[in-house]
Amino acid sequence: YAVQGYDAAQMYEAGLKAAGGDPEKQEEIIKGMESAKIDSPRGAFTLSKAHNPVQDIYMRQVKGDQNVMLEVVSKGLEDPARGCKM
């Protein structure tokens, strides 16, 4: 789960920058996070309208010390967030 924590910190930083560094400006932080595109170890991603990651899913093959990306299995995968009221 380390990468999710890393991504969350990057998202919050983007929101905080959008709010001019003021942690009390919650609406501006949220808007900044909603429009952010971050570069994550799992690839670049943004947030959906339900605030879930929209990201590419990769197929990789690991043999010995080689870790090779074979293909993008799903481009811009987004959680449908069924029932979410956001």
PDB file of N, CA and C in Angstrom:
ATOM      1  N   TYR A   1       0.804  -1.202   0.000  1.00  0.00           N
ATOM      2  CA  TYR A   1       0.000   0.000   0.000  1.00  0.00           C
ATOM      3  C   TYR A   1       0.849   1.270   0.000  1.00  0.00           C
ATOM      4  N   ALA A   2       2.148   1.128  -0.052  1.00  0.00           N
ATOM      5  CA  ALA A   2       3.033   2.289   0.004  1.00  0.00           C
ATOM      6  C   ALA A   2       2.779   3.255  -1.147  1.00  0.00           C
ATOM      7  N   VAL A   3       2.538   2.726  -2.343  1.00  0.00           N
ATOM      8  CA  VAL A   3       2.350   3.612  -3.485  1.00  0.00           C
ATOM      9  C   VAL A   3       1.083   4.460  -3.340  1.00  0.00           C
ATOM     10  N   GLN A   4       0.038   3.922  -2.730  1.00  0.00           N
ATOM     11  CA  GLN A   4      -1.180   4.713  -2.530  1.00  0.00           C
ATOM     12  C   GLN A   4      -0.920   5.875  -1.571  1.00  0.00           C
ATOM     13  N   GLY A   5      -0.128   5.643  -0.550  1.00  0.00           N
ATOM     14  CA  GLY A   5       0.235   6.722   0.367  1.00  0.00           C
ATOM     15  C   GLY A   5       1.055   7.790  -0.334  1.00  0.00           C
ATOM     16  N   TYR A   6       1.981   7.356  -1.177  1.00  0.00           N
ATOM     17  CA  TYR A   6       2.802   8.279  -1.956  1.00  0.00           C
ATOM     18  C   TYR A   6       1.915   9.114  -2.880  1.00  0.00           C
ATOM     19  N   ASP A   7       0.989   8.449  -3.565  1.00  0.00           N
ATOM     20  CA  ASP A   7       0.072   9.145  -4.470  1.00  0.00           C
ATOM     21  C   ASP A   7      -0.821  10.126  -3.713  1.00  0.00           C
ATOM     22  N   ALA A   8      -1.309   9.714  -2.549  1.00  0.00           N
ATOM     23  CA  ALA A   8      -2.166  10.593  -1.740  1.00  0.00           C
ATOM     24  C   ALA A   8      -1.410  11.855  -1.347  1.00  0.00           C
ATOM     25  N   ALA A   9      -0.145  11.712  -0.974  1.00  0.00           N
ATOM     26  CA  ALA A   9       0.660  12.881  -0.602  1.00  0.00           C
ATOM     27  C   ALA A   9       0.859  13.803  -1.802  1.00  0.00           C
ATOM     28  N   GLN A  10       1.085  13.230  -2.985  1.00  0.00           N
ATOM     29  CA  GLN A  10       1.234  14.056  -4.189  1.00  0.00           C
ATOM     30  C   GLN A  10      -0.067  14.785  -4.520  1.00  0.00           C
ATOM     31  N   MET A  11      -1.190  14.095  -4.387  1.00  0.00           N
ATOM     32  CA  MET A  11      -2.485  14.721  -4.652  1.00  0.00           C
ATOM     33  C   MET A  11      -2.741  15.868  -3.677  1.00  0.00           C
ATOM     34  N   TYR A  12      -2.451  15.617  -2.403  1.00  0.00           N
ATOM     35  CA  TYR A  12      -2.672  16.668  -1.407  1.00  0.00           C
ATOM     36  C   TYR A  12      -1.757  17.854  -1.674  1.00  0.00           C
ATOM     37  N   GLU A  13      -0.520  17.592  -2.072  1.00  0.00           N
ATOM     38  CA  GLU A  13       0.396  18.685  -2.399  1.00  0.00           C
ATOM     39  C   GLU A  13      -0.161  19.528  -3.546  1.00  0.00           C
ATOM     40  N   ALA A  14      -0.708  18.873  -4.577  1.00  0.00           N
ATOM     41  CA  ALA A  14      -1.301  19.595  -5.704  1.00  0.00           C
ATOM     42  C   ALA A  14      -2.473  20.452  -5.233  1.00  0.00           C
ATOM     43  N   GLY A  15      -3.301  19.895  -4.365  1.00  0.00           N
ATOM     44  CA  GLY A  15      -4.430  20.651  -3.827  1.00  0.00           C
ATOM     45  C   GLY A  15      -3.980  21.817  -2.973  1.00  0.00           C
ATOM     46  N   LEU A  16      -2.982  21.588  -2.149  1.00  0.00           N
ATOM     47  CA  LEU A  16      -2.463  22.635  -1.268  1.00  0.00           C
ATOM     48  C   LEU A  16      -1.843  23.771  -2.078  1.00  0.00           C
ATOM     49  N   LYS A  17      -1.135  23.433  -3.144  1.00  0.00           N
ATOM     50  CA  LYS A  17      -0.570  24.465  -4.023  1.00  0.00           C
ATOM     51  C   LYS A  17      -1.684  25.296  -4.649  1.00  0.00           C
ATOM     52  N   ALA A  18      -2.758  24.634  -5.075  1.00  0.00           N
ATOM     53  CA  ALA A  18      -3.896  25.339  -5.676  1.00  0.00           C
ATOM     54  C   ALA A  18      -4.555  26.286  -4.680  1.00  0.00           C
ATOM     55  N   ALA A  19      -4.436  25.968  -3.397  1.00  0.00           N
ATOM     56  CA  ALA A  19      -5.025  26.797  -2.337  1.00  0.00           C
ATOM     57  C   ALA A  19      -4.017  27.805  -1.796  1.00  0.00           C
ATOM     58  N   GLY A  20      -2.912  27.990  -2.512  1.00  0.00           N
ATOM     59  CA  GLY A  20      -1.914  28.951  -2.069  1.00  0.00           C
ATOM     60  C   GLY A  20      -1.214  28.538  -0.784  1.00  0.00           C
ATOM     61  N   GLY A  21      -1.218  27.252  -0.491  1.00  0.00           N
ATOM     62  CA  GLY A  21      -0.547  26.751   0.707  1.00  0.00           C
ATOM     63  C   GLY A  21      -1.356  26.849   1.978  1.00  0.00           C
ATOM     64  N   ASP A  22      -2.616  27.273   1.869  1.00  0.00           N
ATOM     65  CA  ASP A  22      -3.459  27.443   3.055  1.00  0.00           C
ATOM     66  C   ASP A  22      -4.310  26.191   3.291  1.00  0.00           C
ATOM     67  N   PRO A  23      -3.995  25.405   4.326  1.00  0.00           N
ATOM     68  CA  PRO A  23      -4.754  24.170   4.572  1.00  0.00           C
ATOM     69  C   PRO A  23      -6.198  24.405   5.009  1.00  0.00           C
ATOM     70  N   GLU A  24      -6.558  25.631   5.323  1.00  0.00           N
ATOM     71  CA  GLU A  24      -7.937  25.949   5.711  1.00  0.00           C
ATOM     72  C   GLU A  24      -8.855  26.115   4.500  1.00  0.00           C
ATOM     73  N   LYS A  25      -8.303  26.294   3.322  1.00  0.00           N
ATOM     74  CA  LYS A  25      -9.100  26.510   2.107  1.00  0.00           C
ATOM     75  C   LYS A  25      -9.474  25.165   1.484  1.00  0.00           C
ATOM     76  N   GLN A  26     -10.351  24.448   2.159  1.00  0.00           N
ATOM     77  CA  GLN A  26     -10.706  23.087   1.761  1.00  0.00           C
ATOM     78  C   GLN A  26     -11.306  22.990   0.356  1.00  0.00           C
ATOM     79  N   GLU A  27     -12.180  23.908  -0.012  1.00  0.00           N
ATOM     80  CA  GLU A  27     -12.800  23.851  -1.346  1.00  0.00           C
ATOM     81  C   GLU A  27     -11.755  24.018  -2.437  1.00  0.00           C
ATOM     82  N   GLU A  28     -10.799  24.933  -2.230  1.00  0.00           N
ATOM     83  CA  GLU A  28      -9.740  25.139  -3.217  1.00  0.00           C
ATOM     84  C   GLU A  28      -8.820  23.922  -3.289  1.00  0.00           C
ATOM     85  N   ILE A  29      -8.558  23.303  -2.152  1.00  0.00           N
ATOM     86  CA  ILE A  29      -7.735  22.088  -2.129  1.00  0.00           C
ATOM     87  C   ILE A  29      -8.422  20.987  -2.929  1.00  0.00           C
ATOM     88  N   ILE A  30      -9.709  20.807  -2.699  1.00  0.00           N
ATOM     89  CA  ILE A  30     -10.465  19.773  -3.419  1.00  0.00           C
ATOM     90  C   ILE A  30     -10.445  20.042  -4.920  1.00  0.00           C
ATOM     91  N   LYS A  31     -10.690  21.285  -5.327  1.00  0.00           N
ATOM     92  CA  LYS A  31     -10.677  21.628  -6.754  1.00  0.00           C
ATOM     93  C   LYS A  31      -9.302  21.387  -7.366  1.00  0.00           C
ATOM     94  N   GLY A  32      -8.258  21.729  -6.610  1.00  0.00           N
ATOM     95  CA  GLY A  32      -6.899  21.491  -7.092  1.00  0.00           C
ATOM     96  C   GLY A  32      -6.604  20.017  -7.267  1.00  0.00           C
ATOM     97  N   MET A  33      -7.088  19.217  -6.332  1.00  0.00           N
ATOM     98  CA  MET A  33      -6.891  17.769  -6.431  1.00  0.00           C
ATOM     99  C   MET A  33      -7.695  17.193  -7.596  1.00  0.00           C
ATOM    100  N   GLU A  34      -8.899  17.709  -7.806  1.00  0.00           N
ATOM    101  CA  GLU A  34      -9.751  17.211  -8.895  1.00  0.00           C
ATOM    102  C   GLU A  34      -9.134  17.478 -10.265  1.00  0.00           C
ATOM    103  N   SER A  35      -8.366  18.556 -10.390  1.00  0.00           N
ATOM    104  CA  SER A  35      -7.774  18.898 -11.686  1.00  0.00           C
ATOM    105  C   SER A  35      -6.318  18.448 -11.817  1.00  0.00           C
ATOM    106  N   ALA A  36      -5.767  17.837 -10.783  1.00  0.00           N
ATOM    107  CA  ALA A  36      -4.354  17.442 -10.792  1.00  0.00           C
ATOM    108  C   ALA A  36      -4.103  16.220 -11.665  1.00  0.00           C
ATOM    109  N   LYS A  37      -2.919  16.179 -12.239  1.00  0.00           N
ATOM    110  CA  LYS A  37      -2.412  14.983 -12.920  1.00  0.00           C
ATOM    111  C   LYS A  37      -1.060  14.708 -12.281  1.00  0.00           C
ATOM    112  N   ILE A  38      -0.939  13.582 -11.618  1.00  0.00           N
ATOM    113  CA  ILE A  38       0.315  13.287 -10.931  1.00  0.00           C
ATOM    114  C   ILE A  38       1.074  12.164 -11.623  1.00  0.00           C
ATOM    115  N   ASP A  39       2.384  12.182 -11.423  1.00  0.00           N
ATOM    116  CA  ASP A  39       3.255  11.141 -11.954  1.00  0.00           C
ATOM    117  C   ASP A  39       3.561  10.180 -10.822  1.00  0.00           C
ATOM    118  N   SER A  40       2.941   9.035 -10.872  1.00  0.00           N
ATOM    119  CA  SER A  40       3.038   8.025  -9.821  1.00  0.00           C
ATOM    120  C   SER A  40       3.961   6.889 -10.259  1.00  0.00           C
ATOM    121  N   PRO A  41       4.506   6.135  -9.318  1.00  0.00           N
ATOM    122  CA  PRO A  41       5.248   4.933  -9.707  1.00  0.00           C
ATOM    123  C   PRO A  41       4.385   3.956 -10.518  1.00  0.00           C
ATOM    124  N   ARG A  42       3.068   4.040 -10.378  1.00  0.00           N
ATOM    125  CA  ARG A  42       2.183   3.159 -11.160  1.00  0.00           C
ATOM    126  C   ARG A  42       1.735   3.811 -12.463  1.00  0.00           C
ATOM    127  N   GLY A  43       2.314   4.956 -12.798  1.00  0.00           N
ATOM    128  CA  GLY A  43       1.979   5.683 -14.016  1.00  0.00           C
ATOM    129  C   GLY A  43       1.204   6.944 -13.695  1.00  0.00           C
ATOM    130  N   ALA A  44       1.112   7.822 -14.681  1.00  0.00           N
ATOM    131  CA  ALA A  44       0.390   9.081 -14.484  1.00  0.00           C
ATOM    132  C   ALA A  44      -1.088   8.797 -14.264  1.00  0.00           C
ATOM    133  N   PHE A  45      -1.702   9.575 -13.367  1.00  0.00           N
ATOM    134  CA  PHE A  45      -3.147   9.434 -13.207  1.00  0.00           C
ATOM    135  C   PHE A  45      -3.794  10.713 -12.715  1.00  0.00           C
ATOM    136  N   THR A  46      -5.109  10.758 -12.901  1.00  0.00           N
ATOM    137  CA  THR A  46      -5.958  11.851 -12.441  1.00  0.00           C
ATOM    138  C   THR A  46      -7.046  11.224 -11.573  1.00  0.00           C
ATOM    139  N   LEU A  47      -7.964  12.053 -11.116  1.00  0.00           N
ATOM    140  CA  LEU A  47      -9.085  11.543 -10.325  1.00  0.00           C
ATOM    141  C   LEU A  47     -10.373  11.598 -11.134  1.00  0.00           C
ATOM    142  N   SER A  48     -11.230  10.612 -10.932  1.00  0.00           N
ATOM    143  CA  SER A  48     -12.550  10.596 -11.564  1.00  0.00           C
ATOM    144  C   SER A  48     -13.477  11.543 -10.807  1.00  0.00           C
ATOM    145  N   LYS A  49     -14.692  11.708 -11.311  1.00  0.00           N
ATOM    146  CA  LYS A  49     -15.659  12.560 -10.613  1.00  0.00           C
ATOM    147  C   LYS A  49     -16.012  11.998  -9.240  1.00  0.00           C
ATOM    148  N   ALA A  50     -15.777  10.693  -9.037  1.00  0.00           N
ATOM    149  CA  ALA A  50     -16.022  10.068  -7.734  1.00  0.00           C
ATOM    150  C   ALA A  50     -14.756  10.050  -6.870  1.00  0.00           C
ATOM    151  N   HIS A  51     -13.712  10.744  -7.362  1.00  0.00           N
ATOM    152  CA  HIS A  51     -12.440  10.888  -6.642  1.00  0.00           C
ATOM    153  C   HIS A  51     -11.651   9.587  -6.539  1.00  0.00           C
ATOM    154  N   ASN A  52     -11.817   8.705  -7.505  1.00  0.00           N
ATOM    155  CA  ASN A  52     -11.018   7.488  -7.606  1.00  0.00           C
ATOM    156  C   ASN A  52      -9.997   7.666  -8.722  1.00  0.00           C
ATOM    157  N   PRO A  53      -8.861   6.957  -8.666  1.00  0.00           N
ATOM    158  CA  PRO A  53      -7.859   7.096  -9.730  1.00  0.00           C
ATOM    159  C   PRO A  53      -8.381   6.672 -11.101  1.00  0.00           C
ATOM    160  N   VAL A  54      -8.010   7.442 -12.113  1.00  0.00           N
ATOM    161  CA  VAL A  54      -8.196   7.066 -13.512  1.00  0.00           C
ATOM    162  C   VAL A  54      -6.777   6.782 -13.988  1.00  0.00           C
ATOM    163  N   GLN A  55      -6.508   5.520 -14.308  1.00  0.00           N
ATOM    164  CA  GLN A  55      -5.124   5.137 -14.584  1.00  0.00           C
ATOM    165  C   GLN A  55      -5.047   4.028 -15.620  1.00  0.00           C
ATOM    166  N   ASP A  56      -3.870   3.909 -16.215  1.00  0.00           N
ATOM    167  CA  ASP A  56      -3.606   2.801 -17.125  1.00  0.00           C
ATOM    168  C   ASP A  56      -3.230   1.578 -16.295  1.00  0.00           C
ATOM    169  N   ILE A  57      -3.592   0.403 -16.793  1.00  0.00           N
ATOM    170  CA  ILE A  57      -3.221  -0.864 -16.164  1.00  0.00           C
ATOM    171  C   ILE A  57      -2.267  -1.575 -17.131  1.00  0.00           C
ATOM    172  N   TYR A  58      -1.138  -2.009 -16.602  1.00  0.00           N
ATOM    173  CA  TYR A  58      -0.073  -2.591 -17.416  1.00  0.00           C
ATOM    174  C   TYR A  58       0.094  -4.083 -17.168  1.00  0.00           C
ATOM    175  N   MET A  59       0.507  -4.803 -18.217  1.00  0.00           N
ATOM    176  CA  MET A  59       0.922  -6.196 -18.057  1.00  0.00           C
ATOM    177  C   MET A  59       2.447  -6.196 -18.086  1.00  0.00           C
ATOM    178  N   ARG A  60       3.028  -6.785 -17.045  1.00  0.00           N
ATOM    179  CA  ARG A  60       4.482  -6.835 -16.935  1.00  0.00           C
ATOM    180  C   ARG A  60       4.929  -8.282 -16.821  1.00  0.00           C
ATOM    181  N   GLN A  61       6.161  -8.530 -17.207  1.00  0.00           N
ATOM    182  CA  GLN A  61       6.747  -9.860 -17.054  1.00  0.00           C
ATOM    183  C   GLN A  61       8.076  -9.708 -16.324  1.00  0.00           C
ATOM    184  N   VAL A  62       8.219 -10.480 -15.247  1.00  0.00           N
ATOM    185  CA  VAL A  62       9.449 -10.453 -14.462  1.00  0.00           C
ATOM    186  C   VAL A  62      10.134 -11.806 -14.594  1.00  0.00           C
ATOM    187  N   LYS A  63      11.374 -11.773 -15.062  1.00  0.00           N
ATOM    188  CA  LYS A  63      12.211 -12.975 -15.159  1.00  0.00           C
ATOM    189  C   LYS A  63      13.583 -12.600 -14.632  1.00  0.00           C
ATOM    190  N   GLY A  64      13.996 -13.281 -13.572  1.00  0.00           N
ATOM    191  CA  GLY A  64      15.286 -12.954 -12.971  1.00  0.00           C
ATOM    192  C   GLY A  64      15.294 -11.518 -12.499  1.00  0.00           C
ATOM    193  N   ASP A  65      16.237 -10.726 -13.016  1.00  0.00           N
ATOM    194  CA  ASP A  65      16.300  -9.318 -12.614  1.00  0.00           C
ATOM    195  C   ASP A  65      15.691  -8.387 -13.662  1.00  0.00           C
ATOM    196  N   GLN A  66      14.984  -8.943 -14.633  1.00  0.00           N
ATOM    197  CA  GLN A  66      14.350  -8.147 -15.685  1.00  0.00           C
ATOM    198  C   GLN A  66      12.858  -7.963 -15.401  1.00  0.00           C
ATOM    199  N   ASN A  67      12.408  -6.729 -15.472  1.00  0.00           N
ATOM    200  CA  ASN A  67      10.998  -6.386 -15.278  1.00  0.00           C
ATOM    201  C   ASN A  67      10.576  -5.608 -16.520  1.00  0.00           C
ATOM    202  N   VAL A  68       9.867  -6.257 -17.417  1.00  0.00           N
ATOM    203  CA  VAL A  68       9.550  -5.678 -18.715  1.00  0.00           C
ATOM    204  C   VAL A  68       8.052  -5.423 -18.840  1.00  0.00           C
ATOM    205  N   MET A  69       7.702  -4.209 -19.291  1.00  0.00           N
ATOM    206  CA  MET A  69       6.304  -3.893 -19.557  1.00  0.00           C
ATOM    207  C   MET A  69       5.956  -4.482 -20.923  1.00  0.00           C
ATOM    208  N   LEU A  70       4.968  -5.367 -20.956  1.00  0.00           N
ATOM    209  CA  LEU A  70       4.574  -6.030 -22.196  1.00  0.00           C
ATOM    210  C   LEU A  70       3.548  -5.228 -22.979  1.00  0.00           C
ATOM    211  N   GLU A  71       2.543  -4.709 -22.273  1.00  0.00           N
ATOM    212  CA  GLU A  71       1.500  -3.941 -22.953  1.00  0.00           C
ATOM    213  C   GLU A  71       0.646  -3.187 -21.944  1.00  0.00           C
ATOM    214  N   VAL A  72      -0.101  -2.221 -22.467  1.00  0.00           N
ATOM    215  CA  VAL A  72      -1.107  -1.531 -21.663  1.00  0.00           C
ATOM    216  C   VAL A  72      -2.387  -2.343 -21.820  1.00  0.00           C
ATOM    217  N   VAL A  73      -2.851  -2.932 -20.736  1.00  0.00           N
ATOM    218  CA  VAL A  73      -4.033  -3.791 -20.767  1.00  0.00           C
ATOM    219  C   VAL A  73      -5.302  -2.954 -20.839  1.00  0.00           C
ATOM    220  N   SER A  74      -5.307  -1.853 -20.109  1.00  0.00           N
ATOM    221  CA  SER A  74      -6.478  -0.970 -20.093  1.00  0.00           C
ATOM    222  C   SER A  74      -5.997   0.470 -19.993  1.00  0.00           C
ATOM    223  N   LYS A  75      -6.392   1.291 -20.933  1.00  0.00           N
ATOM    224  CA  LYS A  75      -5.993   2.700 -20.968  1.00  0.00           C
ATOM    225  C   LYS A  75      -7.056   3.541 -20.273  1.00  0.00           C
ATOM    226  N   GLY A  76      -6.639   4.345 -19.289  1.00  0.00           N
ATOM    227  CA  GLY A  76      -7.568   5.249 -18.610  1.00  0.00           C
ATOM    228  C   GLY A  76      -8.686   4.546 -17.874  1.00  0.00           C
ATOM    229  N   LEU A  77      -8.373   3.439 -17.205  1.00  0.00           N
ATOM    230  CA  LEU A  77      -9.399   2.684 -16.477  1.00  0.00           C
ATOM    231  C   LEU A  77      -9.982   3.536 -15.355  1.00  0.00           C
ATOM    232  N   GLU A  78     -11.293   3.588 -15.318  1.00  0.00           N
ATOM    233  CA  GLU A  78     -12.006   4.404 -14.330  1.00  0.00           C
ATOM    234  C   GLU A  78     -13.058   3.557 -13.621  1.00  0.00           C
ATOM    235  N   ASP A  79     -13.104   3.666 -12.304  1.00  0.00           N
ATOM    236  CA  ASP A  79     -14.117   2.991 -11.497  1.00  0.00           C
ATOM    237  C   ASP A  79     -15.471   3.629 -11.810  1.00  0.00           C
ATOM    238  N   PRO A  80     -16.484   2.831 -12.159  1.00  0.00           N
ATOM    239  CA  PRO A  80     -17.783   3.418 -12.489  1.00  0.00           C
ATOM    240  C   PRO A  80     -18.481   4.072 -11.302  1.00  0.00           C
ATOM    241  N   ALA A  81     -18.045   3.777 -10.085  1.00  0.00           N
ATOM    242  CA  ALA A  81     -18.594   4.395  -8.866  1.00  0.00           C
ATOM    243  C   ALA A  81     -20.116   4.324  -8.835  1.00  0.00           C
ATOM    244  N   ARG A  82     -20.645   3.174  -9.107  1.00  0.00           N
ATOM    245  CA  ARG A  82     -22.104   3.002  -9.093  1.00  0.00           C
ATOM    246  C   ARG A  82     -22.658   3.344  -7.717  1.00  0.00           C
ATOM    247  N   GLY A  83     -23.649   4.193  -7.693  1.00  0.00           N
ATOM    248  CA  GLY A  83     -24.287   4.564  -6.439  1.00  0.00           C
ATOM    249  C   GLY A  83     -23.606   5.700  -5.706  1.00  0.00           C
ATOM    250  N   CYS A  84     -22.454   6.153  -6.212  1.00  0.00           N
ATOM    251  CA  CYS A  84     -21.739   7.243  -5.550  1.00  0.00           C
ATOM    252  C   CYS A  84     -22.459   8.560  -5.819  1.00  0.00           C
ATOM    253  N   LYS A  85     -22.673   9.359  -4.785  1.00  0.00           N
ATOM    254  CA  LYS A  85     -23.414  10.615  -4.918  1.00  0.00           C
ATOM    255  C   LYS A  85     -22.504  11.826  -5.127  1.00  0.00           C
ATOM    256  N   MET A  86     -21.201  11.612  -5.313  1.00  0.00           N
ATOM    257  CA  MET A  86     -20.275  12.741  -5.481  1.00  0.00           C
ATOM    258  C   MET A  86     -20.530  13.464  -6.776  1.00  0.00           C
TER     259      MET A  86
END
